[in-house]
Amino acid sequence: MTTEKTTYEGSCHCGKIAFEVRLPEITAGLQCTCSICIRKNAIMSKHYVDPKDFRLLRGKDDLSVYHWNDKDVNHYFCRHCGIYPFHDSIYEPGKYRINLGCLDDVDPRGLEIDVFDGKNIL
């Protein structure tokens, strides 16, 4: 079974970071309860995106990364405006979870939101 994918364009707030991602139609998002995600208040893509479906259009040198605690997630953010557009992890290297609020023409607050209990994971 093949799932049709749509190309979405996204960016940080100031536009220094821009990317495109191919995903099935976005109908739901994910929020994590860990301390960093609660503070970011981001709604993320439910699944990691394969490298073949992600392309950074500009801003590689404008990205910074934040590691917290066990350093298992690379939280990428724009060093100019501070917005977090995506992250990857040591568990899914090369695959990204996207901040849906950074995608053009997607209203993340209008989606069904699943909650991931990152606060209580060992």
PDB file of N, CA and C in Angstrom:
ATOM      1  N   MET A   1       0.846  -1.180   0.000  1.00  0.00           N
ATOM      2  CA  MET A   1       0.000   0.000   0.000  1.00  0.00           C
ATOM      3  C   MET A   1       0.891   1.242   0.000  1.00  0.00           C
ATOM      4  N   THR A   2       0.676   2.136  -0.916  1.00  0.00           N
ATOM      5  CA  THR A   2       1.444   3.364  -1.016  1.00  0.00           C
ATOM      6  C   THR A   2       0.622   4.515  -0.462  1.00  0.00           C
ATOM      7  N   THR A   3       1.259   5.287   0.407  1.00  0.00           N
ATOM      8  CA  THR A   3       0.604   6.460   0.953  1.00  0.00           C
ATOM      9  C   THR A   3       1.089   7.673   0.179  1.00  0.00           C
ATOM     10  N   GLU A   4       0.154   8.417  -0.380  1.00  0.00           N
ATOM     11  CA  GLU A   4       0.516   9.619  -1.109  1.00  0.00           C
ATOM     12  C   GLU A   4       1.073  10.656  -0.152  1.00  0.00           C
ATOM     13  N   LYS A   5       2.109  11.359  -0.603  1.00  0.00           N
ATOM     14  CA  LYS A   5       2.736  12.370   0.237  1.00  0.00           C
ATOM     15  C   LYS A   5       2.588  13.742  -0.398  1.00  0.00           C
ATOM     16  N   THR A   6       2.513  14.738   0.480  1.00  0.00           N
ATOM     17  CA  THR A   6       2.434  16.136   0.073  1.00  0.00           C
ATOM     18  C   THR A   6       3.733  16.810   0.472  1.00  0.00           C
ATOM     19  N   THR A   7       4.203  17.734  -0.349  1.00  0.00           N
ATOM     20  CA  THR A   7       5.388  18.506   0.008  1.00  0.00           C
ATOM     21  C   THR A   7       4.949  19.758   0.742  1.00  0.00           C
ATOM     22  N   TYR A   8       5.465  19.923   1.957  1.00  0.00           N
ATOM     23  CA  TYR A   8       5.194  21.095   2.781  1.00  0.00           C
ATOM     24  C   TYR A   8       6.479  21.905   2.874  1.00  0.00           C
ATOM     25  N   GLU A   9       6.335  23.224   2.859  1.00  0.00           N
ATOM     26  CA  GLU A   9       7.480  24.109   3.055  1.00  0.00           C
ATOM     27  C   GLU A   9       7.398  24.695   4.448  1.00  0.00           C
ATOM     28  N   GLY A  10       8.570  24.911   5.047  1.00  0.00           N
ATOM     29  CA  GLY A  10       8.598  25.458   6.386  1.00  0.00           C
ATOM     30  C   GLY A  10       9.825  26.322   6.610  1.00  0.00           C
ATOM     31  N   SER A  11       9.780  27.063   7.722  1.00  0.00           N
ATOM     32  CA  SER A  11      10.900  27.936   8.063  1.00  0.00           C
ATOM     33  C   SER A  11      10.830  28.303   9.538  1.00  0.00           C
ATOM     34  N   CYS A  12      11.922  28.886  10.009  1.00  0.00           N
ATOM     35  CA  CYS A  12      11.916  29.485  11.336  1.00  0.00           C
ATOM     36  C   CYS A  12      11.187  30.835  11.221  1.00  0.00           C
ATOM     37  N   HIS A  13      11.125  31.590  12.289  1.00  0.00           N
ATOM     38  CA  HIS A  13      10.387  32.862  12.273  1.00  0.00           C
ATOM     39  C   HIS A  13      11.047  33.912  11.392  1.00  0.00           C
ATOM     40  N   CYS A  14      12.378  34.022  11.455  1.00  0.00           N
ATOM     41  CA  CYS A  14      13.069  35.067  10.689  1.00  0.00           C
ATOM     42  C   CYS A  14      13.352  34.654   9.246  1.00  0.00           C
ATOM     43  N   GLY A  15      13.175  33.378   8.917  1.00  0.00           N
ATOM     44  CA  GLY A  15      13.359  32.903   7.549  1.00  0.00           C
ATOM     45  C   GLY A  15      14.768  32.486   7.191  1.00  0.00           C
ATOM     46  N   LYS A  16      15.704  32.575   8.130  1.00  0.00           N
ATOM     47  CA  LYS A  16      17.087  32.149   7.822  1.00  0.00           C
ATOM     48  C   LYS A  16      17.158  30.640   7.601  1.00  0.00           C
ATOM     49  N   ILE A  17      16.302  29.888   8.303  1.00  0.00           N
ATOM     50  CA  ILE A  17      16.215  28.443   8.126  1.00  0.00           C
ATOM     51  C   ILE A  17      14.976  28.156   7.286  1.00  0.00           C
ATOM     52  N   ALA A  18      15.153  27.425   6.198  1.00  0.00           N
ATOM     53  CA  ALA A  18      14.012  27.026   5.359  1.00  0.00           C
ATOM     54  C   ALA A  18      14.216  25.572   4.948  1.00  0.00           C
ATOM     55  N   PHE A  19      13.122  24.853   4.867  1.00  0.00           N
ATOM     56  CA  PHE A  19      13.190  23.436   4.531  1.00  0.00           C
ATOM     57  C   PHE A  19      11.902  23.013   3.853  1.00  0.00           C
ATOM     58  N   GLU A  20      11.950  21.845   3.226  1.00  0.00           N
ATOM     59  CA  GLU A  20      10.735  21.232   2.721  1.00  0.00           C
ATOM     60  C   GLU A  20      10.723  19.781   3.183  1.00  0.00           C
ATOM     61  N   VAL A  21       9.522  19.291   3.368  1.00  0.00           N
ATOM     62  CA  VAL A  21       9.343  17.946   3.894  1.00  0.00           C
ATOM     63  C   VAL A  21       8.160  17.305   3.177  1.00  0.00           C
ATOM     64  N   ARG A  22       8.304  16.028   2.865  1.00  0.00           N
ATOM     65  CA  ARG A  22       7.213  15.277   2.224  1.00  0.00           C
ATOM     66  C   ARG A  22       6.599  14.368   3.286  1.00  0.00           C
ATOM     67  N   LEU A  23       5.298  14.550   3.489  1.00  0.00           N
ATOM     68  CA  LEU A  23       4.553  13.790   4.496  1.00  0.00           C
ATOM     69  C   LEU A  23       3.185  13.412   3.952  1.00  0.00           C
ATOM     70  N   PRO A  24       2.618  12.333   4.491  1.00  0.00           N
ATOM     71  CA  PRO A  24       1.201  12.110   4.203  1.00  0.00           C
ATOM     72  C   PRO A  24       0.419  13.311   4.744  1.00  0.00           C
ATOM     73  N   GLU A  25      -0.804  13.493   4.295  1.00  0.00           N
ATOM     74  CA  GLU A  25      -1.604  14.619   4.764  1.00  0.00           C
ATOM     75  C   GLU A  25      -1.547  14.690   6.291  1.00  0.00           C
ATOM     76  N   ILE A  26      -1.274  15.879   6.806  1.00  0.00           N
ATOM     77  CA  ILE A  26      -1.139  16.070   8.254  1.00  0.00           C
ATOM     78  C   ILE A  26      -2.521  16.265   8.855  1.00  0.00           C
ATOM     79  N   THR A  27      -2.934  15.298   9.667  1.00  0.00           N
ATOM     80  CA  THR A  27      -4.239  15.372  10.318  1.00  0.00           C
ATOM     81  C   THR A  27      -4.119  15.343  11.834  1.00  0.00           C
ATOM     82  N   ALA A  28      -2.902  15.082  12.342  1.00  0.00           N
ATOM     83  CA  ALA A  28      -2.693  14.991  13.790  1.00  0.00           C
ATOM     84  C   ALA A  28      -1.260  15.397  14.109  1.00  0.00           C
ATOM     85  N   GLY A  29      -1.052  15.773  15.353  1.00  0.00           N
ATOM     86  CA  GLY A  29       0.268  16.148  15.830  1.00  0.00           C
ATOM     87  C   GLY A  29       0.575  15.438  17.135  1.00  0.00           C
ATOM     88  N   LEU A  30       1.756  15.729  17.666  1.00  0.00           N
ATOM     89  CA  LEU A  30       2.234  15.099  18.885  1.00  0.00           C
ATOM     90  C   LEU A  30       2.812  16.153  19.809  1.00  0.00           C
ATOM     91  N   GLN A  31       2.457  16.079  21.077  1.00  0.00           N
ATOM     92  CA  GLN A  31       3.093  16.917  22.089  1.00  0.00           C
ATOM     93  C   GLN A  31       3.723  16.002  23.115  1.00  0.00           C
ATOM     94  N   CYS A  32       4.938  16.337  23.523  1.00  0.00           N
ATOM     95  CA  CYS A  32       5.699  15.575  24.507  1.00  0.00           C
ATOM     96  C   CYS A  32       5.635  16.310  25.843  1.00  0.00           C
ATOM     97  N   THR A  33       5.656  15.550  26.933  1.00  0.00           N
ATOM     98  CA  THR A  33       5.560  16.142  28.267  1.00  0.00           C
ATOM     99  C   THR A  33       6.912  16.314  28.963  1.00  0.00           C
ATOM    100  N   CYS A  34       8.027  16.038  28.281  1.00  0.00           N
ATOM    101  CA  CYS A  34       9.331  16.229  28.933  1.00  0.00           C
ATOM    102  C   CYS A  34       9.548  17.718  29.208  1.00  0.00           C
ATOM    103  N   SER A  35      10.506  18.033  30.047  1.00  0.00           N
ATOM    104  CA  SER A  35      10.678  19.422  30.484  1.00  0.00           C
ATOM    105  C   SER A  35      11.002  20.384  29.341  1.00  0.00           C
ATOM    106  N   ILE A  36      11.777  19.976  28.370  1.00  0.00           N
ATOM    107  CA  ILE A  36      12.112  20.899  27.270  1.00  0.00           C
ATOM    108  C   ILE A  36      10.922  21.077  26.327  1.00  0.00           C
ATOM    109  N   CYS A  37      10.216  20.001  26.021  1.00  0.00           N
ATOM    110  CA  CYS A  37       9.076  20.113  25.106  1.00  0.00           C
ATOM    111  C   CYS A  37       7.929  20.908  25.730  1.00  0.00           C
ATOM    112  N   ILE A  38       7.715  20.752  27.024  1.00  0.00           N
ATOM    113  CA  ILE A  38       6.692  21.548  27.702  1.00  0.00           C
ATOM    114  C   ILE A  38       7.034  23.030  27.584  1.00  0.00           C
ATOM    115  N   ARG A  39       8.302  23.359  27.748  1.00  0.00           N
ATOM    116  CA  ARG A  39       8.711  24.764  27.662  1.00  0.00           C
ATOM    117  C   ARG A  39       8.655  25.294  26.229  1.00  0.00           C
ATOM    118  N   LYS A  40       8.973  24.448  25.233  1.00  0.00           N
ATOM    119  CA  LYS A  40       8.868  24.860  23.827  1.00  0.00           C
ATOM    120  C   LYS A  40       7.415  24.962  23.389  1.00  0.00           C
ATOM    121  N   ASN A  41       6.566  24.124  23.981  1.00  0.00           N
ATOM    122  CA  ASN A  41       5.140  24.066  23.644  1.00  0.00           C
ATOM    123  C   ASN A  41       4.912  23.797  22.153  1.00  0.00           C
ATOM    124  N   ALA A  42       5.790  23.000  21.575  1.00  0.00           N
ATOM    125  CA  ALA A  42       5.690  22.699  20.146  1.00  0.00           C
ATOM    126  C   ALA A  42       4.747  21.528  19.901  1.00  0.00           C
ATOM    127  N   ILE A  43       4.074  21.575  18.765  1.00  0.00           N
ATOM    128  CA  ILE A  43       3.310  20.438  18.273  1.00  0.00           C
ATOM    129  C   ILE A  43       4.132  19.859  17.126  1.00  0.00           C
ATOM    130  N   MET A  44       4.534  18.620  17.281  1.00  0.00           N
ATOM    131  CA  MET A  44       5.456  17.985  16.351  1.00  0.00           C
ATOM    132  C   MET A  44       4.736  16.999  15.438  1.00  0.00           C
ATOM    133  N   SER A  45       5.421  16.652  14.357  1.00  0.00           N
ATOM    134  CA  SER A  45       4.908  15.590  13.498  1.00  0.00           C
ATOM    135  C   SER A  45       4.845  14.303  14.317  1.00  0.00           C
ATOM    136  N   LYS A  46       3.833  13.496  14.042  1.00  0.00           N
ATOM    137  CA  LYS A  46       3.647  12.270  14.822  1.00  0.00           C
ATOM    138  C   LYS A  46       4.751  11.250  14.566  1.00  0.00           C
ATOM    139  N   HIS A  47       5.321  11.277  13.385  1.00  0.00           N
ATOM    140  CA  HIS A  47       6.332  10.290  13.030  1.00  0.00           C
ATOM    141  C   HIS A  47       7.601  10.977  12.547  1.00  0.00           C
ATOM    142  N   TYR A  48       8.684  10.272  12.664  1.00  0.00           N
ATOM    143  CA  TYR A  48       9.939  10.777  12.112  1.00  0.00           C
ATOM    144  C   TYR A  48       9.872  10.745  10.586  1.00  0.00           C
ATOM    145  N   VAL A  49      10.534  11.694   9.963  1.00  0.00           N
ATOM    146  CA  VAL A  49      10.564  11.830   8.509  1.00  0.00           C
ATOM    147  C   VAL A  49      11.872  11.240   7.992  1.00  0.00           C
ATOM    148  N   ASP A  50      11.776  10.355   7.007  1.00  0.00           N
ATOM    149  CA  ASP A  50      12.960   9.760   6.393  1.00  0.00           C
ATOM    150  C   ASP A  50      13.814  10.835   5.714  1.00  0.00           C
ATOM    151  N   PRO A  51      15.131  10.634   5.688  1.00  0.00           N
ATOM    152  CA  PRO A  51      16.016  11.621   5.047  1.00  0.00           C
ATOM    153  C   PRO A  51      15.640  11.923   3.601  1.00  0.00           C
ATOM    154  N   LYS A  52      15.128  10.941   2.875  1.00  0.00           N
ATOM    155  CA  LYS A  52      14.752  11.175   1.465  1.00  0.00           C
ATOM    156  C   LYS A  52      13.562  12.116   1.341  1.00  0.00           C
ATOM    157  N   ASP A  53      12.831  12.310   2.447  1.00  0.00           N
ATOM    158  CA  ASP A  53      11.649  13.171   2.436  1.00  0.00           C
ATOM    159  C   ASP A  53      11.877  14.509   3.134  1.00  0.00           C
ATOM    160  N   PHE A  54      13.131  14.822   3.427  1.00  0.00           N
ATOM    161  CA  PHE A  54      13.463  16.083   4.098  1.00  0.00           C
ATOM    162  C   PHE A  54      14.596  16.761   3.335  1.00  0.00           C
ATOM    163  N   ARG A  55      14.437  18.067   3.116  1.00  0.00           N
ATOM    164  CA  ARG A  55      15.502  18.808   2.438  1.00  0.00           C
ATOM    165  C   ARG A  55      15.648  20.178   3.074  1.00  0.00           C
ATOM    166  N   LEU A  56      16.835  20.458   3.588  1.00  0.00           N
ATOM    167  CA  LEU A  56      17.139  21.785   4.112  1.00  0.00           C
ATOM    168  C   LEU A  56      17.444  22.687   2.922  1.00  0.00           C
ATOM    169  N   LEU A  57      16.646  23.731   2.740  1.00  0.00           N
ATOM    170  CA  LEU A  57      16.803  24.624   1.591  1.00  0.00           C
ATOM    171  C   LEU A  57      17.828  25.711   1.851  1.00  0.00           C
ATOM    172  N   ARG A  58      17.870  26.201   3.087  1.00  0.00           N
ATOM    173  CA  ARG A  58      18.875  27.199   3.449  1.00  0.00           C
ATOM    174  C   ARG A  58      19.011  27.246   4.970  1.00  0.00           C
ATOM    175  N   GLY A  59      20.182  27.719   5.396  1.00  0.00           N
ATOM    176  CA  GLY A  59      20.376  27.978   6.807  1.00  0.00           C
ATOM    177  C   GLY A  59      21.206  26.980   7.590  1.00  0.00           C
ATOM    178  N   LYS A  60      21.895  26.089   6.927  1.00  0.00           N
ATOM    179  CA  LYS A  60      22.686  25.096   7.662  1.00  0.00           C
ATOM    180  C   LYS A  60      23.607  25.765   8.678  1.00  0.00           C
ATOM    181  N   ASP A  61      24.276  26.833   8.280  1.00  0.00           N
ATOM    182  CA  ASP A  61      25.196  27.534   9.185  1.00  0.00           C
ATOM    183  C   ASP A  61      24.478  28.392  10.216  1.00  0.00           C
ATOM    184  N   ASP A  62      23.168  28.564  10.077  1.00  0.00           N
ATOM    185  CA  ASP A  62      22.381  29.347  11.030  1.00  0.00           C
ATOM    186  C   ASP A  62      21.700  28.465  12.077  1.00  0.00           C
ATOM    187  N   LEU A  63      21.847  27.144  11.942  1.00  0.00           N
ATOM    188  CA  LEU A  63      21.278  26.215  12.915  1.00  0.00           C
ATOM    189  C   LEU A  63      22.236  26.008  14.081  1.00  0.00           C
ATOM    190  N   SER A  64      21.686  25.953  15.254  1.00  0.00           N
ATOM    191  CA  SER A  64      22.421  25.546  16.445  1.00  0.00           C
ATOM    192  C   SER A  64      21.692  24.342  17.018  1.00  0.00           C
ATOM    193  N   VAL A  65      22.351  23.635  17.908  1.00  0.00           N
ATOM    194  CA  VAL A  65      21.734  22.451  18.499  1.00  0.00           C
ATOM    195  C   VAL A  65      21.831  22.531  20.018  1.00  0.00           C
ATOM    196  N   TYR A  66      20.776  22.105  20.665  1.00  0.00           N
ATOM    197  CA  TYR A  66      20.742  22.058  22.120  1.00  0.00           C
ATOM    198  C   TYR A  66      20.588  20.603  22.552  1.00  0.00           C
ATOM    199  N   HIS A  67      21.465  20.178  23.465  1.00  0.00           N
ATOM    200  CA  HIS A  67      21.375  18.842  24.060  1.00  0.00           C
ATOM    201  C   HIS A  67      21.040  19.003  25.526  1.00  0.00           C
ATOM    202  N   TRP A  68      20.146  18.167  25.991  1.00  0.00           N
ATOM    203  CA  TRP A  68      19.774  18.206  27.393  1.00  0.00           C
ATOM    204  C   TRP A  68      19.972  16.829  27.996  1.00  0.00           C
ATOM    205  N   ASN A  69      20.408  16.777  29.226  1.00  0.00           N
ATOM    206  CA  ASN A  69      20.480  15.576  30.061  1.00  0.00           C
ATOM    207  C   ASN A  69      21.187  14.417  29.367  1.00  0.00           C
ATOM    208  N   ASP A  70      20.440  13.443  28.851  1.00  0.00           N
ATOM    209  CA  ASP A  70      21.064  12.241  28.289  1.00  0.00           C
ATOM    210  C   ASP A  70      21.547  12.434  26.852  1.00  0.00           C
ATOM    211  N   LYS A  71      21.327  13.606  26.293  1.00  0.00           N
ATOM    212  CA  LYS A  71      21.817  13.972  24.958  1.00  0.00           C
ATOM    213  C   LYS A  71      21.341  13.023  23.857  1.00  0.00           C
ATOM    214  N   ASP A  72      20.147  12.465  24.022  1.00  0.00           N
ATOM    215  CA  ASP A  72      19.636  11.540  23.011  1.00  0.00           C
ATOM    216  C   ASP A  72      18.871  12.226  21.888  1.00  0.00           C
ATOM    217  N   VAL A  73      18.565  13.527  22.063  1.00  0.00           N
ATOM    218  CA  VAL A  73      17.849  14.283  21.034  1.00  0.00           C
ATOM    219  C   VAL A  73      18.645  15.528  20.667  1.00  0.00           C
ATOM    220  N   ASN A  74      18.762  15.773  19.361  1.00  0.00           N
ATOM    221  CA  ASN A  74      19.366  17.009  18.859  1.00  0.00           C
ATOM    222  C   ASN A  74      18.232  17.992  18.604  1.00  0.00           C
ATOM    223  N   HIS A  75      18.082  18.970  19.478  1.00  0.00           N
ATOM    224  CA  HIS A  75      17.040  19.990  19.333  1.00  0.00           C
ATOM    225  C   HIS A  75      17.644  21.130  18.515  1.00  0.00           C
ATOM    226  N   TYR A  76      17.319  21.204  17.243  1.00  0.00           N
ATOM    227  CA  TYR A  76      17.858  22.245  16.361  1.00  0.00           C
ATOM    228  C   TYR A  76      17.034  23.518  16.505  1.00  0.00           C
ATOM    229  N   PHE A  77      17.727  24.655  16.489  1.00  0.00           N
ATOM    230  CA  PHE A  77      17.042  25.939  16.550  1.00  0.00           C
ATOM    231  C   PHE A  77      17.828  26.970  15.758  1.00  0.00           C
ATOM    232  N   CYS A  78      17.134  28.006  15.327  1.00  0.00           N
ATOM    233  CA  CYS A  78      17.764  29.104  14.586  1.00  0.00           C
ATOM    234  C   CYS A  78      18.535  29.966  15.564  1.00  0.00           C
ATOM    235  N   ARG A  79      19.794  30.218  15.283  1.00  0.00           N
ATOM    236  CA  ARG A  79      20.609  31.023  16.195  1.00  0.00           C
ATOM    237  C   ARG A  79      20.262  32.506  16.144  1.00  0.00           C
ATOM    238  N   HIS A  80      19.379  32.898  15.220  1.00  0.00           N
ATOM    239  CA  HIS A  80      18.960  34.299  15.125  1.00  0.00           C
ATOM    240  C   HIS A  80      17.640  34.551  15.858  1.00  0.00           C
ATOM    241  N   CYS A  81      16.623  33.761  15.544  1.00  0.00           N
ATOM    242  CA  CYS A  81      15.305  34.010  16.152  1.00  0.00           C
ATOM    243  C   CYS A  81      14.949  33.017  17.259  1.00  0.00           C
ATOM    244  N   GLY A  82      15.716  31.949  17.399  1.00  0.00           N
ATOM    245  CA  GLY A  82      15.506  30.999  18.478  1.00  0.00           C
ATOM    246  C   GLY A  82      14.438  29.948  18.240  1.00  0.00           C
ATOM    247  N   ILE A  83      13.808  29.957  17.080  1.00  0.00           N
ATOM    248  CA  ILE A  83      12.725  29.008  16.812  1.00  0.00           C
ATOM    249  C   ILE A  83      13.279  27.609  16.538  1.00  0.00           C
ATOM    250  N   TYR A  84      12.595  26.610  17.088  1.00  0.00           N
ATOM    251  CA  TYR A  84      12.927  25.197  16.905  1.00  0.00           C
ATOM    252  C   TYR A  84      12.109  24.643  15.738  1.00  0.00           C
ATOM    253  N   PRO A  85      12.736  24.379  14.572  1.00  0.00           N
ATOM    254  CA  PRO A  85      11.975  23.865  13.436  1.00  0.00           C
ATOM    255  C   PRO A  85      11.882  22.333  13.378  1.00  0.00           C
ATOM    256  N   PHE A  86      12.875  21.625  13.943  1.00  0.00           N
ATOM    257  CA  PHE A  86      12.890  20.167  13.866  1.00  0.00           C
ATOM    258  C   PHE A  86      13.924  19.601  14.823  1.00  0.00           C
ATOM    259  N   HIS A  87      13.846  18.278  15.029  1.00  0.00           N
ATOM    260  CA  HIS A  87      14.866  17.587  15.816  1.00  0.00           C
ATOM    261  C   HIS A  87      15.065  16.179  15.272  1.00  0.00           C
ATOM    262  N   ASP A  88      16.190  15.587  15.648  1.00  0.00           N
ATOM    263  CA  ASP A  88      16.422  14.176  15.391  1.00  0.00           C
ATOM    264  C   ASP A  88      16.941  13.554  16.676  1.00  0.00           C
ATOM    265  N   SER A  89      17.097  12.236  16.678  1.00  0.00           N
ATOM    266  CA  SER A  89      17.541  11.574  17.898  1.00  0.00           C
ATOM    267  C   SER A  89      18.529  10.463  17.579  1.00  0.00           C
ATOM    268  N   ILE A  90      19.208   9.996  18.611  1.00  0.00           N
ATOM    269  CA  ILE A  90      20.147   8.891  18.419  1.00  0.00           C
ATOM    270  C   ILE A  90      19.399   7.591  18.106  1.00  0.00           C
ATOM    271  N   TYR A  91      18.110   7.554  18.402  1.00  0.00           N
ATOM    272  CA  TYR A  91      17.308   6.361  18.144  1.00  0.00           C
ATOM    273  C   TYR A  91      16.843   6.270  16.695  1.00  0.00           C
ATOM    274  N   GLU A  92      16.747   7.415  16.037  1.00  0.00           N
ATOM    275  CA  GLU A  92      16.333   7.475  14.630  1.00  0.00           C
ATOM    276  C   GLU A  92      17.288   8.406  13.881  1.00  0.00           C
ATOM    277  N   PRO A  93      18.599   8.062  13.827  1.00  0.00           N
ATOM    278  CA  PRO A  93      19.566   8.974  13.205  1.00  0.00           C
ATOM    279  C   PRO A  93      19.218   9.302  11.755  1.00  0.00           C
ATOM    280  N   GLY A  94      19.347  10.581  11.422  1.00  0.00           N
ATOM    281  CA  GLY A  94      19.061  11.030  10.060  1.00  0.00           C
ATOM    282  C   GLY A  94      17.599  11.262   9.770  1.00  0.00           C
ATOM    283  N   LYS A  95      16.731  10.940  10.724  1.00  0.00           N
ATOM    284  CA  LYS A  95      15.298  11.155  10.557  1.00  0.00           C
ATOM    285  C   LYS A  95      14.882  12.313  11.461  1.00  0.00           C
ATOM    286  N   TYR A  96      13.942  13.120  10.976  1.00  0.00           N
ATOM    287  CA  TYR A  96      13.535  14.317  11.707  1.00  0.00           C
ATOM    288  C   TYR A  96      12.081  14.256  12.133  1.00  0.00           C
ATOM    289  N   ARG A  97      11.816  14.860  13.268  1.00  0.00           N
ATOM    290  CA  ARG A  97      10.454  15.163  13.692  1.00  0.00           C
ATOM    291  C   ARG A  97      10.316  16.669  13.496  1.00  0.00           C
ATOM    292  N   ILE A  98       9.243  17.099  12.889  1.00  0.00           N
ATOM    293  CA  ILE A  98       9.072  18.481  12.453  1.00  0.00           C
ATOM    294  C   ILE A  98       8.173  19.246  13.421  1.00  0.00           C
ATOM    295  N   ASN A  99       8.531  20.491  13.708  1.00  0.00           N
ATOM    296  CA  ASN A  99       7.658  21.397  14.457  1.00  0.00           C
ATOM    297  C   ASN A  99       6.596  21.862  13.466  1.00  0.00           C
ATOM    298  N   LEU A 100       5.370  21.387  13.640  1.00  0.00           N
ATOM    299  CA  LEU A 100       4.306  21.683  12.680  1.00  0.00           C
ATOM    300  C   LEU A 100       3.960  23.169  12.624  1.00  0.00           C
ATOM    301  N   GLY A 101       4.286  23.906  13.662  1.00  0.00           N
ATOM    302  CA  GLY A 101       4.060  25.345  13.659  1.00  0.00           C
ATOM    303  C   GLY A 101       4.974  26.092  12.702  1.00  0.00           C
ATOM    304  N   CYS A 102       6.007  25.422  12.219  1.00  0.00           N
ATOM    305  CA  CYS A 102       6.934  26.032  11.258  1.00  0.00           C
ATOM    306  C   CYS A 102       6.549  25.764   9.813  1.00  0.00           C
ATOM    307  N   LEU A 103       5.511  24.958   9.596  1.00  0.00           N
ATOM    308  CA  LEU A 103       5.086  24.645   8.228  1.00  0.00           C
ATOM    309  C   LEU A 103       4.070  25.668   7.725  1.00  0.00           C
ATOM    310  N   ASP A 104       4.274  26.099   6.491  1.00  0.00           N
ATOM    311  CA  ASP A 104       3.312  26.993   5.852  1.00  0.00           C
ATOM    312  C   ASP A 104       1.991  26.244   5.660  1.00  0.00           C
ATOM    313  N   ASP A 105       0.896  26.929   5.802  1.00  0.00           N
ATOM    314  CA  ASP A 105      -0.432  26.397   5.514  1.00  0.00           C
ATOM    315  C   ASP A 105      -0.851  25.212   6.382  1.00  0.00           C
ATOM    316  N   VAL A 106      -0.253  25.085   7.587  1.00  0.00           N
ATOM    317  CA  VAL A 106      -0.682  24.065   8.547  1.00  0.00           C
ATOM    318  C   VAL A 106      -1.032  24.788   9.841  1.00  0.00           C
ATOM    319  N   ASP A 107      -2.224  24.514  10.362  1.00  0.00           N
ATOM    320  CA  ASP A 107      -2.644  25.080  11.647  1.00  0.00           C
ATOM    321  C   ASP A 107      -2.531  23.991  12.702  1.00  0.00           C
ATOM    322  N   PRO A 108      -1.405  23.910  13.415  1.00  0.00           N
ATOM    323  CA  PRO A 108      -1.216  22.805  14.361  1.00  0.00           C
ATOM    324  C   PRO A 108      -2.241  22.795  15.490  1.00  0.00           C
ATOM    325  N   ARG A 109      -2.790  23.944  15.855  1.00  0.00           N
ATOM    326  CA  ARG A 109      -3.777  23.994  16.939  1.00  0.00           C
ATOM    327  C   ARG A 109      -5.134  23.449  16.499  1.00  0.00           C
ATOM    328  N   GLY A 110      -5.320  23.265  15.206  1.00  0.00           N
ATOM    329  CA  GLY A 110      -6.562  22.714  14.696  1.00  0.00           C
ATOM    330  C   GLY A 110      -6.502  21.199  14.488  1.00  0.00           C
ATOM    331  N   LEU A 111      -5.377  20.585  14.831  1.00  0.00           N
ATOM    332  CA  LEU A 111      -5.197  19.151  14.628  1.00  0.00           C
ATOM    333  C   LEU A 111      -5.571  18.357  15.871  1.00  0.00           C
ATOM    334  N   GLU A 112      -5.848  17.094  15.671  1.00  0.00           N
ATOM    335  CA  GLU A 112      -5.952  16.169  16.803  1.00  0.00           C
ATOM    336  C   GLU A 112      -4.539  16.029  17.382  1.00  0.00           C
ATOM    337  N   ILE A 113      -4.408  16.140  18.691  1.00  0.00           N
ATOM    338  CA  ILE A 113      -3.090  16.110  19.321  1.00  0.00           C
ATOM    339  C   ILE A 113      -2.972  14.878  20.219  1.00  0.00           C
ATOM    340  N   ASP A 114      -1.962  14.052  19.943  1.00  0.00           N
ATOM    341  CA  ASP A 114      -1.622  12.937  20.825  1.00  0.00           C
ATOM    342  C   ASP A 114      -0.548  13.421  21.795  1.00  0.00           C
ATOM    343  N   VAL A 115      -0.548  12.874  22.996  1.00  0.00           N
ATOM    344  CA  VAL A 115       0.429  13.259  24.011  1.00  0.00           C
ATOM    345  C   VAL A 115       1.364  12.087  24.260  1.00  0.00           C
ATOM    346  N   PHE A 116       2.660  12.397  24.232  1.00  0.00           N
ATOM    347  CA  PHE A 116       3.703  11.413  24.529  1.00  0.00           C
ATOM    348  C   PHE A 116       4.253  11.729  25.908  1.00  0.00           C
ATOM    349  N   ASP A 117       4.241  10.774  26.825  1.00  0.00           N
ATOM    350  CA  ASP A 117       4.674  10.998  28.205  1.00  0.00           C
ATOM    351  C   ASP A 117       6.187  10.919  28.329  1.00  0.00           C
ATOM    352  N   GLY A 118       6.880  11.922  27.794  1.00  0.00           N
ATOM    353  CA  GLY A 118       8.327  11.976  27.880  1.00  0.00           C
ATOM    354  C   GLY A 118       8.824  12.309  29.273  1.00  0.00           C
ATOM    355  N   LYS A 119       7.994  12.871  30.105  1.00  0.00           N
ATOM    356  CA  LYS A 119       8.386  13.240  31.466  1.00  0.00           C
ATOM    357  C   LYS A 119       8.694  12.014  32.323  1.00  0.00           C
ATOM    358  N   ASN A 120       7.958  10.933  32.100  1.00  0.00           N
ATOM    359  CA  ASN A 120       8.084   9.768  32.974  1.00  0.00           C
ATOM    360  C   ASN A 120       8.805   8.579  32.341  1.00  0.00           C
ATOM    361  N   ILE A 121       9.530   8.837  31.252  1.00  0.00           N
ATOM    362  CA  ILE A 121      10.316   7.765  30.623  1.00  0.00           C
ATOM    363  C   ILE A 121      11.629   7.636  31.378  1.00  0.00           C
ATOM    364  N   LEU A 122      12.035   6.441  31.589  1.00  0.00           N
ATOM    365  CA  LEU A 122      13.302   6.203  32.308  1.00  0.00           C
ATOM    366  C   LEU A 122      14.475   6.580  31.455  1.00  0.00           C
TER     367      LEU A 122
END
